[in-house]
C-alpha cells in the first residue's frame, strides 16, 4: 500500500469517526429548534458544526492527495461537502441551525456509506 493511500485511509478513519459521532450526538434532535432551545442543544450544534468543519477539511485533503478518487463516487456533491468547512469557519456567527439539522438528518447517512465504500475499495 502506498504512503498516499495510507494517508487517505487515515483521513477517512477520522472522517468516519466524526460522521458516526455526529449521528450519535444528533440522534435526539428532532427539529432545528432543538439545537437552540437550551444550553445542551447549543453545545450539540457547536460540536456538530466543528465536526462538519473537520469532515470538509478531511475531504479537501483527500482531494489534494488524489485528484481522481472522489470523482469515482459521483452520488456525493463533493464541492458542497468540502465547501461546508469554509462556510462554517468563516461565517460561524451566521450559523443556521436549520442547515445543520438538514445535513444531520438528510445528508450524513449517504456520506457515511460512501466513505465506508471508499475505505473498503482502497483496502482491496
Protein backbone atom coordinates (compact mmCIF):
# COMPACT_ATOMS: atom_id res chain seq x y z
CA UNK A 1 0.00 0.00 0.00
CA UNK A 2 1.42 3.38 -0.97
CA UNK A 3 2.07 6.17 1.51
CA UNK A 4 -0.56 8.25 -0.27
CA UNK A 5 -3.17 5.52 0.18
CA UNK A 6 -2.24 5.16 3.85
CA UNK A 7 -2.69 8.91 4.35
CA UNK A 8 -6.08 8.82 2.62
CA UNK A 9 -7.17 5.84 4.74
CA UNK A 10 -6.06 7.59 7.92
CA UNK A 11 -8.05 10.67 6.96
CA UNK A 12 -11.05 8.50 6.11
CA UNK A 13 -10.82 6.89 9.55
CA UNK A 14 -11.08 10.35 11.12
CA UNK A 15 -13.95 11.34 8.83
CA UNK A 16 -15.89 8.14 9.53
CA UNK A 17 -15.37 8.59 13.27
CA UNK A 18 -16.71 12.15 13.01
CA UNK A 19 -19.71 11.09 10.93
CA UNK A 20 -20.65 8.42 13.46
CA UNK A 21 -20.16 10.87 16.32
CA UNK A 22 -22.46 13.39 14.62
CA UNK A 23 -25.08 10.67 14.18
CA UNK A 24 -24.85 9.85 17.88
CA UNK A 25 -24.98 13.48 19.00
CA UNK A 26 -27.89 14.36 16.72
CA UNK A 27 -29.93 11.23 17.47
CA UNK A 28 -32.37 13.04 19.79
CA UNK A 29 -32.53 16.22 17.72
CA UNK A 30 -35.96 16.25 16.09
CA UNK A 31 -36.01 19.78 14.69
CA UNK A 32 -33.65 22.69 14.22
CA UNK A 33 -35.25 24.30 17.28
CA UNK A 34 -33.78 21.52 19.43
CA UNK A 35 -30.35 22.98 18.66
CA UNK A 36 -31.21 26.41 20.02
CA UNK A 37 -33.77 25.84 22.78
CA UNK A 38 -31.27 25.26 25.61
CA UNK A 39 -27.60 25.03 26.51
CA UNK A 40 -27.43 21.30 25.70
CA UNK A 41 -28.77 21.93 22.20
CA UNK A 42 -26.34 24.78 21.61
CA UNK A 43 -23.44 22.59 22.73
CA UNK A 44 -24.56 19.90 20.29
CA UNK A 45 -24.86 22.45 17.49
CA UNK A 46 -21.36 23.74 18.24
CA UNK A 47 -19.78 20.29 18.45
CA UNK A 48 -21.53 19.01 15.32
CA UNK A 49 -20.52 22.13 13.42
CA UNK A 50 -16.88 21.63 14.37
CA UNK A 51 -17.03 18.00 13.23
CA UNK A 52 -18.51 19.15 9.91
CA UNK A 53 -15.59 21.55 9.54
CA UNK A 54 -13.20 18.65 10.16
CA UNK A 55 -15.04 16.44 7.66
CA UNK A 56 -14.91 19.14 4.98
CA UNK A 57 -11.22 19.71 5.64
CA UNK A 58 -10.59 15.96 5.55
CA UNK A 59 -12.18 15.59 2.14
CA UNK A 60 -10.25 18.64 0.89
CA UNK A 61 -7.05 16.91 1.97
CA UNK A 62 -8.08 13.65 0.31
CA UNK A 63 -8.83 15.56 -2.89
CA UNK A 64 -5.36 17.16 -2.76
CA UNK A 65 -3.73 13.75 -2.31
CA UNK A 66 -5.69 12.19 -5.16
CA UNK A 67 -7.38 14.41 -7.70
CA UNK A 68 -9.36 11.49 -9.12
CA UNK A 69 -10.55 9.44 -6.13
CA UNK A 70 -13.70 11.38 -5.26
CA UNK A 71 -14.74 11.58 -8.92
CA UNK A 72 -15.33 7.82 -8.79
CA UNK A 73 -18.17 8.40 -6.28
CA UNK A 74 -20.44 10.88 -8.10
CA UNK A 75 -23.53 10.50 -5.89
CA UNK A 76 -21.98 12.85 -3.34
CA UNK A 77 -21.83 16.60 -4.08
CA UNK A 78 -18.14 16.84 -3.15
CA UNK A 79 -17.86 20.55 -3.80
CA UNK A 80 -20.55 21.22 -1.18
CA UNK A 81 -19.06 18.72 1.28
CA UNK A 82 -15.68 20.43 1.05
CA UNK A 83 -17.29 23.87 0.99
CA UNK A 84 -19.17 23.43 4.26
CA UNK A 85 -15.84 23.79 6.03
CA UNK A 86 -15.32 27.25 4.56
CA UNK A 87 -18.87 28.36 5.27
CA UNK A 88 -18.80 27.21 8.89
CA UNK A 89 -15.29 28.51 9.53
CA UNK A 90 -15.72 31.94 8.01
CA UNK A 91 -19.37 32.62 8.83
CA UNK A 92 -19.65 30.91 12.20
CA UNK A 93 -21.74 33.66 13.79
CA UNK A 94 -24.25 33.33 10.97
CA UNK A 95 -24.64 29.61 11.67
CA UNK A 96 -28.08 28.36 10.63
CA UNK A 97 -29.42 25.59 12.86
CA UNK A 98 -31.83 24.55 10.09
CA UNK A 99 -28.96 23.91 7.68
CA UNK A 100 -27.08 21.83 10.26
CA UNK A 101 -30.26 19.92 11.10
CA UNK A 102 -30.86 19.12 7.42
CA UNK A 103 -27.28 17.95 6.98
CA UNK A 104 -27.60 15.68 10.02
CA UNK A 105 -30.92 14.18 9.02
CA UNK A 106 -30.67 14.10 5.22
CA UNK A 107 -27.03 14.03 4.13
CA UNK A 108 -24.88 12.16 6.63
CA UNK A 109 -26.07 8.61 6.09
CA UNK A 110 -25.15 8.60 2.41
CA UNK A 111 -21.85 10.35 3.11
CA UNK A 112 -21.02 7.73 5.74
CA UNK A 113 -21.98 4.89 3.38
CA UNK A 114 -19.81 6.29 0.58
CA UNK A 115 -16.93 6.98 2.97
CA UNK A 116 -17.04 3.35 4.12
CA UNK A 117 -17.17 2.21 0.49
CA UNK A 118 -14.14 4.32 -0.43
CA UNK A 119 -12.30 2.86 2.55
CA UNK A 120 -13.21 -0.68 1.50
CA UNK A 121 -12.23 -0.04 -2.12
CA UNK A 122 -8.83 1.37 -1.12
CA UNK A 123 -8.08 -1.63 1.08
CA UNK A 124 -8.64 -4.13 -1.75
